[in-house]
Amino acid sequence: MRKQIQNYENYQADSSGFIIKPAREAKDKRNGNYTREIILKTHLTKNGYHQIQLWKNGKVVNRLVHILVWEIFHGLSKPKGMDIDHIDGNKNNNSLDNLELVTRKENMRRAVNLRLLPSIVKDDDILRCIGLVKSEMSMSKAAKETSISRDTLKRIRRGEGVHSKYKEILDEAVKIQKTIPR
């Protein structure tokens, strides 16, 4: 399904997540008249979102594709303080059925649960860190060696966050480490 982009009559949004310049008659010196539609190329932002350029009267406007698609098909602007979330966590999937309006807090919660944030520590790193603590290394030194922050280890010991499942293992490792004679 396609809809016209408001204020940009030369562009349409497709529910599959593409922005299209519809077919129109044009002249080509070599081939004569022709019509064809063009799927616009996107550019990735530094955060990995697809962005397009819309032209009108010689002026360009850059828009994020996922927000544009959501706004066109819902007929309203994204409210301030809200985010358009990719439900599957894949920023390349801008289809309408993969986009949902959520609060910033909910968007961040989903990103943490899907482990999309770069600061999320991998399970292998935590297990390696716990192994180092078990082998007489202090938590601080083990954290530095594995590039895990001491704060992350503290959150694990308090049972907070996505890595709380390692709480008991880390607690046990710290108890063992404290009982080893120096």
N, C-alpha and C. Protein backbone atom coordinates (compact mmCIF):
# COMPACT_ATOMS: atom_id res chain seq x y z
N MET A 1 0.84 -1.17 0.00
CA MET A 1 0.00 0.00 0.00
C MET A 1 0.90 1.25 0.00
N ARG A 2 0.48 2.25 -0.75
CA ARG A 2 1.25 3.49 -0.85
C ARG A 2 0.41 4.69 -0.48
N LYS A 3 1.09 5.70 0.06
CA LYS A 3 0.43 6.97 0.36
C LYS A 3 1.34 8.11 -0.07
N GLN A 4 0.69 9.17 -0.50
CA GLN A 4 1.39 10.39 -0.90
C GLN A 4 2.01 11.04 0.33
N ILE A 5 3.24 11.55 0.21
CA ILE A 5 3.86 12.27 1.31
C ILE A 5 3.35 13.71 1.27
N GLN A 6 2.76 14.11 2.38
CA GLN A 6 2.15 15.44 2.47
C GLN A 6 3.19 16.53 2.21
N ASN A 7 2.82 17.50 1.39
CA ASN A 7 3.67 18.63 1.00
C ASN A 7 4.79 18.25 0.04
N TYR A 8 4.88 17.00 -0.34
CA TYR A 8 5.89 16.54 -1.30
C TYR A 8 5.19 15.67 -2.34
N GLU A 9 4.55 16.30 -3.31
CA GLU A 9 3.72 15.58 -4.27
C GLU A 9 4.51 14.63 -5.17
N ASN A 10 5.81 14.79 -5.24
CA ASN A 10 6.62 13.92 -6.10
C ASN A 10 7.10 12.65 -5.37
N TYR A 11 6.63 12.42 -4.15
CA TYR A 11 7.12 11.29 -3.37
C TYR A 11 5.97 10.53 -2.73
N GLN A 12 6.16 9.21 -2.59
CA GLN A 12 5.19 8.35 -1.91
C GLN A 12 5.92 7.46 -0.91
N ALA A 13 5.21 7.11 0.16
CA ALA A 13 5.73 6.15 1.13
C ALA A 13 5.02 4.83 0.91
N ASP A 14 5.77 3.76 0.93
CA ASP A 14 5.22 2.42 0.76
C ASP A 14 5.17 1.75 2.13
N SER A 15 4.14 0.98 2.41
CA SER A 15 4.00 0.34 3.72
C SER A 15 5.11 -0.68 4.00
N SER A 16 5.84 -1.08 2.97
CA SER A 16 6.97 -1.99 3.18
C SER A 16 8.23 -1.25 3.62
N GLY A 17 8.14 0.09 3.73
CA GLY A 17 9.25 0.85 4.30
C GLY A 17 10.11 1.58 3.28
N PHE A 18 9.67 1.68 2.05
CA PHE A 18 10.44 2.37 1.01
C PHE A 18 9.81 3.72 0.70
N ILE A 19 10.64 4.66 0.27
CA ILE A 19 10.16 5.94 -0.22
C ILE A 19 10.38 5.92 -1.73
N ILE A 20 9.32 6.26 -2.47
CA ILE A 20 9.32 6.08 -3.92
C ILE A 20 9.01 7.39 -4.61
N LYS A 21 9.72 7.61 -5.71
CA LYS A 21 9.37 8.69 -6.62
C LYS A 21 8.55 8.01 -7.71
N PRO A 22 7.23 8.34 -7.80
CA PRO A 22 6.36 7.62 -8.73
C PRO A 22 6.76 7.80 -10.19
N ALA A 23 6.25 6.90 -11.01
CA ALA A 23 6.53 6.95 -12.44
C ALA A 23 5.97 8.24 -13.02
N ARG A 24 6.74 8.84 -13.89
CA ARG A 24 6.29 10.04 -14.59
C ARG A 24 6.94 10.05 -15.95
N GLU A 25 6.32 10.73 -16.87
CA GLU A 25 6.87 10.78 -18.22
C GLU A 25 8.07 11.72 -18.23
N ALA A 26 9.12 11.25 -18.84
CA ALA A 26 10.34 12.05 -18.95
C ALA A 26 10.94 11.82 -20.34
N LYS A 27 11.79 12.72 -20.73
CA LYS A 27 12.44 12.58 -22.04
C LYS A 27 13.90 12.21 -21.84
N ASP A 28 14.31 11.29 -22.65
CA ASP A 28 15.70 10.86 -22.66
C ASP A 28 16.19 11.07 -24.08
N LYS A 29 17.30 11.78 -24.25
CA LYS A 29 17.80 12.09 -25.60
C LYS A 29 18.10 10.84 -26.39
N ARG A 30 18.57 9.79 -25.72
CA ARG A 30 18.94 8.57 -26.42
C ARG A 30 17.76 7.65 -26.69
N ASN A 31 16.83 7.54 -25.71
CA ASN A 31 15.77 6.55 -25.82
C ASN A 31 14.38 7.12 -26.04
N GLY A 32 14.25 8.41 -26.13
CA GLY A 32 12.92 8.99 -26.31
C GLY A 32 12.19 9.12 -24.99
N ASN A 33 10.85 9.03 -25.02
CA ASN A 33 10.05 9.15 -23.80
C ASN A 33 10.04 7.82 -23.03
N TYR A 34 9.96 7.92 -21.72
CA TYR A 34 9.86 6.72 -20.90
C TYR A 34 9.20 7.10 -19.57
N THR A 35 8.72 6.10 -18.87
CA THR A 35 8.21 6.28 -17.52
C THR A 35 8.80 5.19 -16.66
N ARG A 36 9.16 5.57 -15.44
CA ARG A 36 9.65 4.58 -14.50
C ARG A 36 9.55 5.16 -13.10
N GLU A 37 9.37 4.28 -12.15
CA GLU A 37 9.36 4.75 -10.77
C GLU A 37 10.72 4.45 -10.15
N ILE A 38 11.07 5.24 -9.15
CA ILE A 38 12.39 5.12 -8.54
C ILE A 38 12.22 4.91 -7.04
N ILE A 39 12.85 3.87 -6.52
CA ILE A 39 12.93 3.70 -5.07
C ILE A 39 14.14 4.51 -4.63
N LEU A 40 13.91 5.47 -3.74
CA LEU A 40 14.99 6.36 -3.33
C LEU A 40 16.05 5.62 -2.53
N LYS A 41 17.29 5.98 -2.78
CA LYS A 41 18.40 5.43 -2.01
C LYS A 41 18.42 6.10 -0.65
N THR A 42 18.76 5.33 0.36
CA THR A 42 18.86 5.88 1.70
C THR A 42 20.33 6.00 2.09
N HIS A 43 20.57 6.80 3.08
CA HIS A 43 21.91 6.95 3.66
C HIS A 43 21.79 6.63 5.13
N LEU A 44 22.78 5.96 5.67
CA LEU A 44 22.74 5.62 7.08
C LEU A 44 23.26 6.77 7.92
N THR A 45 22.55 7.06 9.01
CA THR A 45 23.04 8.06 9.97
C THR A 45 24.11 7.39 10.83
N LYS A 46 24.77 8.16 11.67
CA LYS A 46 25.81 7.58 12.52
C LYS A 46 25.22 6.59 13.53
N ASN A 47 23.90 6.68 13.78
CA ASN A 47 23.23 5.75 14.69
C ASN A 47 22.65 4.54 13.97
N GLY A 48 22.85 4.46 12.64
CA GLY A 48 22.40 3.30 11.88
C GLY A 48 20.99 3.38 11.34
N TYR A 49 20.34 4.54 11.41
CA TYR A 49 19.00 4.70 10.87
C TYR A 49 19.07 5.11 9.40
N HIS A 50 18.08 4.69 8.62
CA HIS A 50 18.01 5.05 7.21
C HIS A 50 17.41 6.45 7.07
N GLN A 51 18.07 7.27 6.26
CA GLN A 51 17.64 8.64 6.05
C GLN A 51 17.54 8.90 4.55
N ILE A 52 16.56 9.71 4.16
CA ILE A 52 16.41 10.07 2.75
C ILE A 52 16.38 11.59 2.62
N GLN A 53 16.55 12.03 1.38
CA GLN A 53 16.46 13.45 1.07
C GLN A 53 15.24 13.69 0.19
N LEU A 54 14.39 14.60 0.63
CA LEU A 54 13.23 15.00 -0.16
C LEU A 54 13.50 16.41 -0.70
N TRP A 55 13.26 16.59 -1.99
CA TRP A 55 13.51 17.89 -2.64
C TRP A 55 12.20 18.56 -2.99
N LYS A 56 12.16 19.87 -2.75
CA LYS A 56 11.00 20.66 -3.16
C LYS A 56 11.47 22.09 -3.38
N ASN A 57 11.18 22.60 -4.57
CA ASN A 57 11.55 23.97 -4.94
C ASN A 57 13.05 24.25 -4.73
N GLY A 58 13.88 23.28 -5.06
CA GLY A 58 15.32 23.46 -4.97
C GLY A 58 15.88 23.36 -3.55
N LYS A 59 15.04 23.03 -2.58
CA LYS A 59 15.50 22.88 -1.19
C LYS A 59 15.37 21.42 -0.78
N VAL A 60 16.32 21.00 0.03
CA VAL A 60 16.35 19.60 0.47
C VAL A 60 15.99 19.52 1.95
N VAL A 61 15.26 18.42 2.28
CA VAL A 61 14.93 18.12 3.67
C VAL A 61 15.36 16.68 3.92
N ASN A 62 16.13 16.45 4.97
CA ASN A 62 16.53 15.10 5.36
C ASN A 62 15.51 14.56 6.35
N ARG A 63 15.04 13.32 6.12
CA ARG A 63 14.06 12.70 7.01
C ARG A 63 14.48 11.26 7.30
N LEU A 64 14.24 10.83 8.54
CA LEU A 64 14.46 9.43 8.88
C LEU A 64 13.30 8.62 8.32
N VAL A 65 13.62 7.54 7.64
CA VAL A 65 12.61 6.76 6.92
C VAL A 65 11.58 6.17 7.87
N HIS A 66 12.00 5.59 8.98
CA HIS A 66 11.03 4.93 9.86
C HIS A 66 10.02 5.92 10.44
N ILE A 67 10.47 7.12 10.77
CA ILE A 67 9.55 8.13 11.29
C ILE A 67 8.60 8.61 10.19
N LEU A 68 9.16 8.85 9.01
CA LEU A 68 8.35 9.31 7.88
C LEU A 68 7.26 8.29 7.53
N VAL A 69 7.62 7.03 7.44
CA VAL A 69 6.65 5.98 7.10
C VAL A 69 5.55 5.93 8.16
N TRP A 70 5.93 5.95 9.44
CA TRP A 70 4.93 5.89 10.50
C TRP A 70 4.00 7.10 10.43
N GLU A 71 4.55 8.30 10.27
CA GLU A 71 3.74 9.52 10.22
C GLU A 71 2.78 9.52 9.04
N ILE A 72 3.24 9.11 7.87
CA ILE A 72 2.40 9.12 6.67
C ILE A 72 1.19 8.18 6.84
N PHE A 73 1.42 6.98 7.33
CA PHE A 73 0.35 6.00 7.42
C PHE A 73 -0.56 6.20 8.63
N HIS A 74 -0.08 6.92 9.64
CA HIS A 74 -0.94 7.21 10.80
C HIS A 74 -1.56 8.60 10.71
N GLY A 75 -1.11 9.40 9.76
CA GLY A 75 -1.70 10.70 9.53
C GLY A 75 -1.45 11.74 10.60
N LEU A 76 -0.42 11.53 11.40
CA LEU A 76 -0.06 12.54 12.41
C LEU A 76 1.42 12.55 12.65
N SER A 77 1.89 13.65 13.23
CA SER A 77 3.32 13.78 13.54
C SER A 77 3.66 13.00 14.79
N LYS A 78 4.91 12.59 14.87
CA LYS A 78 5.39 11.90 16.07
C LYS A 78 5.31 12.87 17.25
N PRO A 79 4.60 12.50 18.32
CA PRO A 79 4.51 13.39 19.48
C PRO A 79 5.86 13.60 20.15
N LYS A 80 6.04 14.78 20.71
CA LYS A 80 7.29 15.10 21.40
C LYS A 80 7.48 14.16 22.60
N GLY A 81 8.69 13.69 22.79
CA GLY A 81 8.99 12.79 23.89
C GLY A 81 8.68 11.34 23.61
N MET A 82 8.17 11.04 22.43
CA MET A 82 7.85 9.67 22.05
C MET A 82 8.84 9.22 20.98
N ASP A 83 8.98 7.91 20.82
CA ASP A 83 9.87 7.33 19.82
C ASP A 83 9.08 6.40 18.91
N ILE A 84 9.57 6.25 17.70
CA ILE A 84 9.05 5.23 16.79
C ILE A 84 10.02 4.06 16.89
N ASP A 85 9.55 2.97 17.46
CA ASP A 85 10.40 1.82 17.75
C ASP A 85 10.32 0.79 16.64
N HIS A 86 11.46 0.20 16.30
CA HIS A 86 11.50 -0.97 15.41
C HIS A 86 11.22 -2.18 16.31
N ILE A 87 10.08 -2.79 16.18
CA ILE A 87 9.64 -3.86 17.08
C ILE A 87 10.65 -5.00 17.13
N ASP A 88 11.19 -5.39 15.97
CA ASP A 88 12.15 -6.50 15.93
C ASP A 88 13.58 -6.06 16.23
N GLY A 89 13.79 -4.77 16.47
CA GLY A 89 15.12 -4.27 16.79
C GLY A 89 16.01 -4.07 15.57
N ASN A 90 15.50 -4.35 14.38
CA ASN A 90 16.28 -4.26 13.15
C ASN A 90 16.02 -2.90 12.49
N LYS A 91 17.00 -2.02 12.49
CA LYS A 91 16.85 -0.68 11.92
C LYS A 91 16.73 -0.69 10.40
N ASN A 92 17.01 -1.83 9.78
CA ASN A 92 16.86 -1.95 8.32
C ASN A 92 15.42 -2.30 7.93
N ASN A 93 14.62 -2.73 8.88
CA ASN A 93 13.24 -3.14 8.61
C ASN A 93 12.30 -1.98 8.95
N ASN A 94 12.04 -1.12 7.95
CA ASN A 94 11.20 0.05 8.16
C ASN A 94 9.76 -0.17 7.70
N SER A 95 9.32 -1.42 7.60
CA SER A 95 7.95 -1.68 7.18
C SER A 95 6.98 -1.23 8.28
N LEU A 96 5.82 -0.81 7.86
CA LEU A 96 4.83 -0.23 8.77
C LEU A 96 4.48 -1.18 9.91
N ASP A 97 4.35 -2.47 9.63
CA ASP A 97 3.98 -3.41 10.69
C ASP A 97 5.11 -3.68 11.69
N ASN A 98 6.29 -3.14 11.45
CA ASN A 98 7.42 -3.28 12.37
C ASN A 98 7.66 -1.99 13.17
N LEU A 99 6.82 -0.99 12.98
CA LEU A 99 7.01 0.30 13.65
C LEU A 99 5.91 0.54 14.66
N GLU A 100 6.31 1.05 15.83
CA GLU A 100 5.33 1.28 16.89
C GLU A 100 5.72 2.54 17.66
N LEU A 101 4.71 3.33 18.01
CA LEU A 101 4.92 4.53 18.81
C LEU A 101 4.99 4.12 20.28
N VAL A 102 6.12 4.45 20.92
CA VAL A 102 6.32 4.10 22.33
C VAL A 102 6.98 5.28 23.04
N THR A 103 6.95 5.23 24.36
CA THR A 103 7.65 6.24 25.14
C THR A 103 9.15 6.01 25.03
N ARG A 104 9.94 7.02 25.31
CA ARG A 104 11.39 6.88 25.28
C ARG A 104 11.84 5.80 26.26
N LYS A 105 11.21 5.76 27.44
CA LYS A 105 11.56 4.76 28.46
C LYS A 105 11.32 3.35 27.95
N GLU A 106 10.16 3.14 27.30
CA GLU A 106 9.84 1.82 26.76
C GLU A 106 10.81 1.43 25.64
N ASN A 107 11.16 2.39 24.80
CA ASN A 107 12.09 2.14 23.71
C ASN A 107 13.45 1.70 24.27
N MET A 108 13.92 2.38 25.31
CA MET A 108 15.21 2.01 25.91
C MET A 108 15.12 0.64 26.59
N ARG A 109 13.98 0.37 27.25
CA ARG A 109 13.81 -0.93 27.90
C ARG A 109 13.89 -2.06 26.87
N ARG A 110 13.24 -1.85 25.73
CA ARG A 110 13.28 -2.86 24.67
C ARG A 110 14.69 -3.02 24.12
N ALA A 111 15.40 -1.91 23.96
CA ALA A 111 16.78 -1.98 23.44
C ALA A 111 17.67 -2.76 24.40
N VAL A 112 17.48 -2.56 25.69
CA VAL A 112 18.27 -3.30 26.69
C VAL A 112 17.92 -4.78 26.62
N ASN A 113 16.62 -5.10 26.56
CA ASN A 113 16.20 -6.50 26.52
C ASN A 113 16.70 -7.21 25.27
N LEU A 114 16.75 -6.50 24.14
CA LEU A 114 17.24 -7.09 22.90
C LEU A 114 18.76 -6.99 22.77
N ARG A 115 19.39 -6.37 23.77
CA ARG A 115 20.84 -6.17 23.80
C ARG A 115 21.34 -5.41 22.57
N LEU A 116 20.65 -4.31 22.27
CA LEU A 116 21.00 -3.50 21.10
C LEU A 116 21.95 -2.36 21.46
N LEU A 117 22.07 -2.07 22.72
CA LEU A 117 22.93 -0.95 23.14
C LEU A 117 24.38 -1.42 23.23
N PRO A 118 25.31 -0.61 22.76
CA PRO A 118 26.71 -1.04 22.76
C PRO A 118 27.29 -1.26 24.15
N SER A 119 26.67 -0.66 25.17
CA SER A 119 27.22 -0.80 26.52
C SER A 119 26.77 -2.09 27.20
N ILE A 120 25.92 -2.85 26.55
CA ILE A 120 25.44 -4.09 27.14
C ILE A 120 26.58 -5.12 27.10
N VAL A 121 26.83 -5.70 28.24
CA VAL A 121 27.94 -6.64 28.39
C VAL A 121 27.50 -8.03 27.94
N LYS A 122 28.37 -8.71 27.25
CA LYS A 122 28.07 -10.06 26.76
C LYS A 122 28.21 -11.07 27.90
N ASP A 123 27.40 -12.12 27.83
CA ASP A 123 27.42 -13.17 28.85
C ASP A 123 28.80 -13.81 28.98
N ASP A 124 29.47 -14.02 27.85
CA ASP A 124 30.81 -14.63 27.89
C ASP A 124 31.78 -13.79 28.71
N ASP A 125 31.68 -12.45 28.58
CA ASP A 125 32.57 -11.56 29.35
C ASP A 125 32.28 -11.67 30.84
N ILE A 126 31.01 -11.76 31.19
CA ILE A 126 30.65 -11.87 32.61
C ILE A 126 31.16 -13.19 33.18
N LEU A 127 30.98 -14.27 32.44
CA LEU A 127 31.45 -15.57 32.92
C LEU A 127 32.98 -15.58 33.05
N ARG A 128 33.66 -14.95 32.12
CA ARG A 128 35.13 -14.86 32.21
C ARG A 128 35.53 -14.05 33.45
N CYS A 129 34.82 -12.95 33.68
CA CYS A 129 35.10 -12.11 34.85
C CYS A 129 34.88 -12.89 36.14
N ILE A 130 33.78 -13.64 36.22
CA ILE A 130 33.50 -14.44 37.41
C ILE A 130 34.59 -15.50 37.61
N GLY A 131 35.04 -16.09 36.50
CA GLY A 131 36.14 -17.06 36.59
C GLY A 131 37.41 -16.43 37.15
N LEU A 132 37.70 -15.20 36.76
CA LEU A 132 38.88 -14.51 37.27
C LEU A 132 38.74 -14.21 38.76
N VAL A 133 37.52 -13.83 39.18
CA VAL A 133 37.29 -13.56 40.61
C VAL A 133 37.47 -14.85 41.41
N LYS A 134 36.99 -15.96 40.85
CA LYS A 134 37.15 -17.25 41.52
C LYS A 134 38.62 -17.63 41.65
N SER A 135 39.43 -17.18 40.69
CA SER A 135 40.85 -17.54 40.71
C SER A 135 41.69 -16.46 41.42
N GLU A 136 41.16 -15.93 42.52
CA GLU A 136 41.88 -15.04 43.44
C GLU A 136 42.02 -13.59 42.98
N MET A 137 41.47 -13.22 41.85
CA MET A 137 41.59 -11.83 41.39
C MET A 137 40.47 -11.00 42.01
N SER A 138 40.78 -9.77 42.37
CA SER A 138 39.74 -8.90 42.92
C SER A 138 38.71 -8.55 41.84
N MET A 139 37.53 -8.15 42.29
CA MET A 139 36.48 -7.78 41.33
C MET A 139 36.94 -6.61 40.46
N SER A 140 37.63 -5.65 41.04
CA SER A 140 38.08 -4.48 40.28
C SER A 140 39.06 -4.89 39.18
N LYS A 141 40.03 -5.73 39.53
CA LYS A 141 41.02 -6.17 38.53
C LYS A 141 40.36 -7.03 37.45
N ALA A 142 39.45 -7.91 37.86
CA ALA A 142 38.76 -8.77 36.90
C ALA A 142 37.90 -7.92 35.95
N ALA A 143 37.28 -6.88 36.49
CA ALA A 143 36.46 -5.99 35.66
C ALA A 143 37.33 -5.29 34.63
N LYS A 144 38.49 -4.80 35.04
CA LYS A 144 39.39 -4.11 34.10
C LYS A 144 39.87 -5.06 33.02
N GLU A 145 40.21 -6.27 33.41
CA GLU A 145 40.74 -7.25 32.47
C GLU A 145 39.71 -7.65 31.40
N THR A 146 38.44 -7.63 31.78
CA THR A 146 37.38 -8.05 30.84
C THR A 146 36.63 -6.86 30.24
N SER A 147 37.03 -5.65 30.56
CA SER A 147 36.37 -4.43 30.07
C SER A 147 34.93 -4.31 30.56
N ILE A 148 34.64 -4.90 31.69
CA ILE A 148 33.33 -4.75 32.33
C ILE A 148 33.51 -3.69 33.42
N SER A 149 32.57 -2.79 33.50
CA SER A 149 32.70 -1.75 34.53
C SER A 149 32.39 -2.34 35.90
N ARG A 150 33.01 -1.78 36.90
CA ARG A 150 32.75 -2.20 38.29
C ARG A 150 31.28 -1.95 38.62
N ASP A 151 30.70 -0.90 38.07
CA ASP A 151 29.28 -0.60 38.31
C ASP A 151 28.38 -1.71 37.78
N THR A 152 28.74 -2.27 36.62
CA THR A 152 27.96 -3.38 36.07
C THR A 152 28.00 -4.57 37.01
N LEU A 153 29.19 -4.87 37.54
CA LEU A 153 29.32 -5.98 38.49
C LEU A 153 28.50 -5.71 39.75
N LYS A 154 28.49 -4.47 40.22
CA LYS A 154 27.69 -4.12 41.40
C LYS A 154 26.20 -4.33 41.12
N ARG A 155 25.76 -3.94 39.91
CA ARG A 155 24.34 -4.13 39.56
C ARG A 155 24.00 -5.62 39.50
N ILE A 156 24.93 -6.42 39.02
CA ILE A 156 24.69 -7.87 38.97
C ILE A 156 24.55 -8.41 40.39
N ARG A 157 25.43 -7.98 41.29
CA ARG A 157 25.38 -8.46 42.68
C ARG A 157 24.11 -8.02 43.39
N ARG A 158 23.55 -6.87 42.98
CA ARG A 158 22.29 -6.39 43.56
C ARG A 158 21.09 -7.07 42.90
N GLY A 159 21.33 -7.81 41.82
CA GLY A 159 20.25 -8.50 41.13
C GLY A 159 19.49 -7.60 40.16
N GLU A 160 20.15 -6.56 39.64
CA GLU A 160 19.51 -5.62 38.73
C GLU A 160 19.92 -5.88 37.29
N GLY A 161 19.07 -5.48 36.37
CA GLY A 161 19.41 -5.49 34.95
C GLY A 161 19.30 -6.85 34.29
N VAL A 162 19.70 -6.86 33.02
CA VAL A 162 19.54 -8.06 32.21
C VAL A 162 20.49 -9.18 32.61
N HIS A 163 21.55 -8.86 33.35
CA HIS A 163 22.53 -9.87 33.75
C HIS A 163 22.32 -10.36 35.18
N SER A 164 21.16 -10.07 35.76
CA SER A 164 20.90 -10.44 37.15
C SER A 164 20.94 -11.95 37.37
N LYS A 165 20.81 -12.71 36.29
CA LYS A 165 20.85 -14.18 36.42
C LYS A 165 22.20 -14.67 36.94
N TYR A 166 23.24 -13.81 36.87
CA TYR A 166 24.57 -14.20 37.35
C TYR A 166 24.82 -13.79 38.79
N LYS A 167 23.80 -13.22 39.46
CA LYS A 167 23.96 -12.72 40.82
C LYS A 167 24.53 -13.79 41.76
N GLU A 168 23.88 -14.95 41.82
CA GLU A 168 24.31 -16.00 42.75
C GLU A 168 25.72 -16.49 42.42
N ILE A 169 26.02 -16.65 41.16
CA ILE A 169 27.35 -17.14 40.76
C ILE A 169 28.43 -16.13 41.16
N LEU A 170 28.16 -14.83 40.93
CA LEU A 170 29.13 -13.80 41.29
C LEU A 170 29.28 -13.69 42.80
N ASP A 171 28.16 -13.77 43.54
CA ASP A 171 28.22 -13.74 45.01
C ASP A 171 29.09 -14.88 45.53
N GLU A 172 28.87 -16.06 44.98
CA GLU A 172 29.65 -17.23 45.41
C GLU A 172 31.14 -17.05 45.10
N ALA A 173 31.43 -16.48 43.91
CA ALA A 173 32.83 -16.26 43.52
C ALA A 173 33.49 -15.27 44.48
N VAL A 174 32.78 -14.23 44.88
CA VAL A 174 33.35 -13.23 45.79
C VAL A 174 33.59 -13.86 47.16
N LYS A 175 32.67 -14.74 47.62
CA LYS A 175 32.86 -15.43 48.91
C LYS A 175 34.09 -16.32 48.86
N ILE A 176 34.27 -17.04 47.77
CA ILE A 176 35.44 -17.91 47.61
C ILE A 176 36.71 -17.05 47.61
N GLN A 177 36.66 -15.95 46.89
CA GLN A 177 37.84 -15.07 46.75
C GLN A 177 38.24 -14.51 48.11
N LYS A 178 37.24 -14.21 48.98
CA LYS A 178 37.56 -13.64 50.29
C LYS A 178 38.13 -14.69 51.24
N THR A 179 37.84 -15.96 51.01
CA THR A 179 38.32 -17.01 51.91
C THR A 179 39.70 -17.52 51.53
N ILE A 180 40.20 -17.12 50.38
CA ILE A 180 41.51 -17.60 49.95
C ILE A 180 42.59 -16.80 50.70
N PRO A 181 43.53 -17.51 51.35
CA PRO A 181 44.59 -16.79 52.09
C PRO A 181 45.49 -16.01 51.13
N ARG A 182 45.93 -14.85 51.57
CA ARG A 182 46.80 -14.00 50.73
C ARG A 182 48.23 -14.20 51.08
